[in-house]
Amino acid sequence: MKASDLTGKSAAELKEQLIELRKEQFNLRLEQASGQMAQPHRVKQVRRDIARVKTVLGQQAAAQ
């Protein structure tokens, strides 16, 4: 996911995507704790995607 993809979305869409990413992060943490993680690189990707979404939300809030 790129930040340029996120800038065109509304705040409601970004908040919905943030909720989905946090759910995915939670599920990945459970997989990691149980030792059943198939894609360990996804933890880092999801964490960075969450940061991107939060950054764009902050930029949109500052612009208003």
N, C-alpha and C. Protein backbone atom coordinates (compact mmCIF):
# COMPACT_ATOMS: atom_id res chain seq x y z
N MET A 1 0.84 -1.16 0.00
CA MET A 1 0.00 0.00 0.00
C MET A 1 0.90 1.24 0.00
N LYS A 2 0.52 2.20 -0.81
CA LYS A 2 1.28 3.44 -0.90
C LYS A 2 0.46 4.57 -0.30
N ALA A 3 1.16 5.58 0.20
CA ALA A 3 0.48 6.73 0.78
C ALA A 3 -0.32 7.48 -0.28
N SER A 4 0.17 7.48 -1.50
CA SER A 4 -0.56 8.17 -2.57
C SER A 4 -1.91 7.50 -2.84
N ASP A 5 -2.01 6.20 -2.60
CA ASP A 5 -3.29 5.51 -2.76
C ASP A 5 -4.28 5.94 -1.68
N LEU A 6 -3.77 6.30 -0.52
CA LEU A 6 -4.63 6.63 0.60
C LEU A 6 -5.12 8.07 0.57
N THR A 7 -4.39 8.95 -0.07
CA THR A 7 -4.76 10.37 -0.03
C THR A 7 -6.08 10.65 -0.73
N GLY A 8 -6.48 9.81 -1.65
CA GLY A 8 -7.74 10.01 -2.36
C GLY A 8 -8.95 9.50 -1.62
N LYS A 9 -8.75 8.83 -0.50
CA LYS A 9 -9.87 8.26 0.24
C LYS A 9 -10.40 9.24 1.28
N SER A 10 -11.67 9.05 1.62
CA SER A 10 -12.28 9.90 2.64
C SER A 10 -11.86 9.43 4.03
N ALA A 11 -12.14 10.26 5.03
CA ALA A 11 -11.77 9.93 6.40
C ALA A 11 -12.50 8.68 6.88
N ALA A 12 -13.75 8.52 6.47
CA ALA A 12 -14.52 7.34 6.89
C ALA A 12 -13.92 6.06 6.31
N GLU A 13 -13.51 6.12 5.05
CA GLU A 13 -12.87 4.95 4.43
C GLU A 13 -11.55 4.62 5.09
N LEU A 14 -10.80 5.65 5.45
CA LEU A 14 -9.51 5.43 6.11
C LEU A 14 -9.70 4.83 7.49
N LYS A 15 -10.70 5.29 8.22
CA LYS A 15 -10.96 4.74 9.54
C LYS A 15 -11.39 3.29 9.46
N GLU A 16 -12.18 2.97 8.44
CA GLU A 16 -12.60 1.58 8.23
C GLU A 16 -11.40 0.69 7.91
N GLN A 17 -10.52 1.22 7.07
CA GLN A 17 -9.32 0.45 6.71
C GLN A 17 -8.40 0.28 7.92
N LEU A 18 -8.34 1.30 8.78
CA LEU A 18 -7.53 1.21 9.98
C LEU A 18 -8.04 0.12 10.91
N ILE A 19 -9.35 0.01 11.03
CA ILE A 19 -9.95 -1.03 11.86
C ILE A 19 -9.60 -2.41 11.30
N GLU A 20 -9.69 -2.57 9.98
CA GLU A 20 -9.36 -3.85 9.35
C GLU A 20 -7.89 -4.21 9.57
N LEU A 21 -7.02 -3.22 9.45
CA LEU A 21 -5.59 -3.48 9.64
C LEU A 21 -5.28 -3.85 11.09
N ARG A 22 -5.95 -3.22 12.03
CA ARG A 22 -5.72 -3.56 13.43
C ARG A 22 -6.22 -4.96 13.76
N LYS A 23 -7.33 -5.38 13.13
CA LYS A 23 -7.81 -6.75 13.30
C LYS A 23 -6.79 -7.74 12.73
N GLU A 24 -6.25 -7.41 11.56
CA GLU A 24 -5.25 -8.28 10.96
C GLU A 24 -4.00 -8.35 11.83
N GLN A 25 -3.62 -7.21 12.40
CA GLN A 25 -2.45 -7.19 13.28
C GLN A 25 -2.68 -8.07 14.51
N PHE A 26 -3.86 -8.01 15.07
CA PHE A 26 -4.20 -8.84 16.22
C PHE A 26 -4.11 -10.32 15.87
N ASN A 27 -4.68 -10.69 14.71
CA ASN A 27 -4.65 -12.09 14.28
C ASN A 27 -3.22 -12.55 14.03
N LEU A 28 -2.39 -11.69 13.47
CA LEU A 28 -1.00 -12.05 13.24
C LEU A 28 -0.25 -12.25 14.56
N ARG A 29 -0.57 -11.43 15.55
CA ARG A 29 0.07 -11.60 16.86
C ARG A 29 -0.32 -12.93 17.49
N LEU A 30 -1.59 -13.31 17.31
CA LEU A 30 -2.03 -14.60 17.83
C LEU A 30 -1.31 -15.75 17.13
N GLU A 31 -1.18 -15.64 15.81
CA GLU A 31 -0.46 -16.68 15.05
C GLU A 31 0.99 -16.76 15.50
N GLN A 32 1.59 -15.62 15.72
CA GLN A 32 3.00 -15.59 16.12
C GLN A 32 3.17 -16.21 17.51
N ALA A 33 2.26 -15.94 18.42
CA ALA A 33 2.35 -16.48 19.77
C ALA A 33 2.14 -17.98 19.80
N SER A 34 1.31 -18.48 18.91
CA SER A 34 1.04 -19.92 18.89
C SER A 34 2.03 -20.68 18.02
N GLY A 35 2.90 -19.95 17.33
CA GLY A 35 3.91 -20.61 16.51
C GLY A 35 3.39 -21.10 15.17
N GLN A 36 2.27 -20.60 14.71
CA GLN A 36 1.67 -21.05 13.46
C GLN A 36 1.78 -20.01 12.35
N MET A 37 2.71 -19.08 12.49
CA MET A 37 2.80 -17.98 11.53
C MET A 37 3.39 -18.46 10.21
N ALA A 38 2.62 -18.24 9.14
CA ALA A 38 3.06 -18.66 7.82
C ALA A 38 3.80 -17.55 7.09
N GLN A 39 3.44 -16.29 7.38
CA GLN A 39 4.05 -15.15 6.70
C GLN A 39 4.56 -14.15 7.73
N PRO A 40 5.73 -14.34 8.27
CA PRO A 40 6.22 -13.44 9.31
C PRO A 40 6.48 -12.02 8.81
N HIS A 41 6.68 -11.84 7.52
CA HIS A 41 6.93 -10.50 6.99
C HIS A 41 5.68 -9.63 7.03
N ARG A 42 4.51 -10.23 7.13
CA ARG A 42 3.26 -9.46 7.15
C ARG A 42 3.15 -8.59 8.40
N VAL A 43 3.78 -8.98 9.51
CA VAL A 43 3.71 -8.19 10.74
C VAL A 43 4.27 -6.80 10.49
N LYS A 44 5.42 -6.74 9.86
CA LYS A 44 6.06 -5.47 9.57
C LYS A 44 5.25 -4.66 8.55
N GLN A 45 4.72 -5.31 7.54
CA GLN A 45 3.93 -4.63 6.52
C GLN A 45 2.67 -4.02 7.11
N VAL A 46 1.98 -4.77 7.95
CA VAL A 46 0.73 -4.29 8.54
C VAL A 46 1.02 -3.12 9.48
N ARG A 47 2.09 -3.23 10.25
CA ARG A 47 2.44 -2.15 11.16
C ARG A 47 2.72 -0.85 10.40
N ARG A 48 3.41 -0.96 9.29
CA ARG A 48 3.71 0.22 8.48
C ARG A 48 2.47 0.75 7.77
N ASP A 49 1.59 -0.14 7.34
CA ASP A 49 0.34 0.29 6.72
C ASP A 49 -0.53 1.06 7.71
N ILE A 50 -0.56 0.61 8.96
CA ILE A 50 -1.30 1.31 10.01
C ILE A 50 -0.73 2.72 10.18
N ALA A 51 0.59 2.82 10.20
CA ALA A 51 1.23 4.13 10.35
C ALA A 51 0.90 5.03 9.17
N ARG A 52 0.87 4.48 7.97
CA ARG A 52 0.53 5.28 6.79
C ARG A 52 -0.89 5.82 6.87
N VAL A 53 -1.82 4.97 7.26
CA VAL A 53 -3.21 5.39 7.36
C VAL A 53 -3.35 6.48 8.42
N LYS A 54 -2.70 6.30 9.56
CA LYS A 54 -2.78 7.30 10.62
C LYS A 54 -2.15 8.62 10.19
N THR A 55 -1.08 8.55 9.42
CA THR A 55 -0.43 9.77 8.93
C THR A 55 -1.35 10.53 7.99
N VAL A 56 -1.98 9.83 7.07
CA VAL A 56 -2.89 10.48 6.12
C VAL A 56 -4.09 11.07 6.85
N LEU A 57 -4.61 10.35 7.85
CA LEU A 57 -5.73 10.88 8.64
C LEU A 57 -5.31 12.17 9.34
N GLY A 58 -4.11 12.20 9.89
CA GLY A 58 -3.61 13.40 10.55
C GLY A 58 -3.42 14.55 9.59
N GLN A 59 -2.95 14.26 8.39
CA GLN A 59 -2.78 15.29 7.38
C GLN A 59 -4.12 15.88 6.96
N GLN A 60 -5.11 15.01 6.81
CA GLN A 60 -6.44 15.48 6.43
C GLN A 60 -7.06 16.33 7.53
N ALA A 61 -6.83 15.94 8.78
CA ALA A 61 -7.38 16.70 9.91
C ALA A 61 -6.70 18.07 10.01
N ALA A 62 -5.41 18.12 9.74
CA ALA A 62 -4.67 19.38 9.80
C ALA A 62 -5.07 20.32 8.68
N ALA A 63 -5.45 19.76 7.54
CA ALA A 63 -5.83 20.57 6.40
C ALA A 63 -7.19 21.24 6.59
N GLN A 64 -8.00 20.70 7.47
CA GLN A 64 -9.35 21.25 7.67
C GLN A 64 -9.37 22.30 8.69
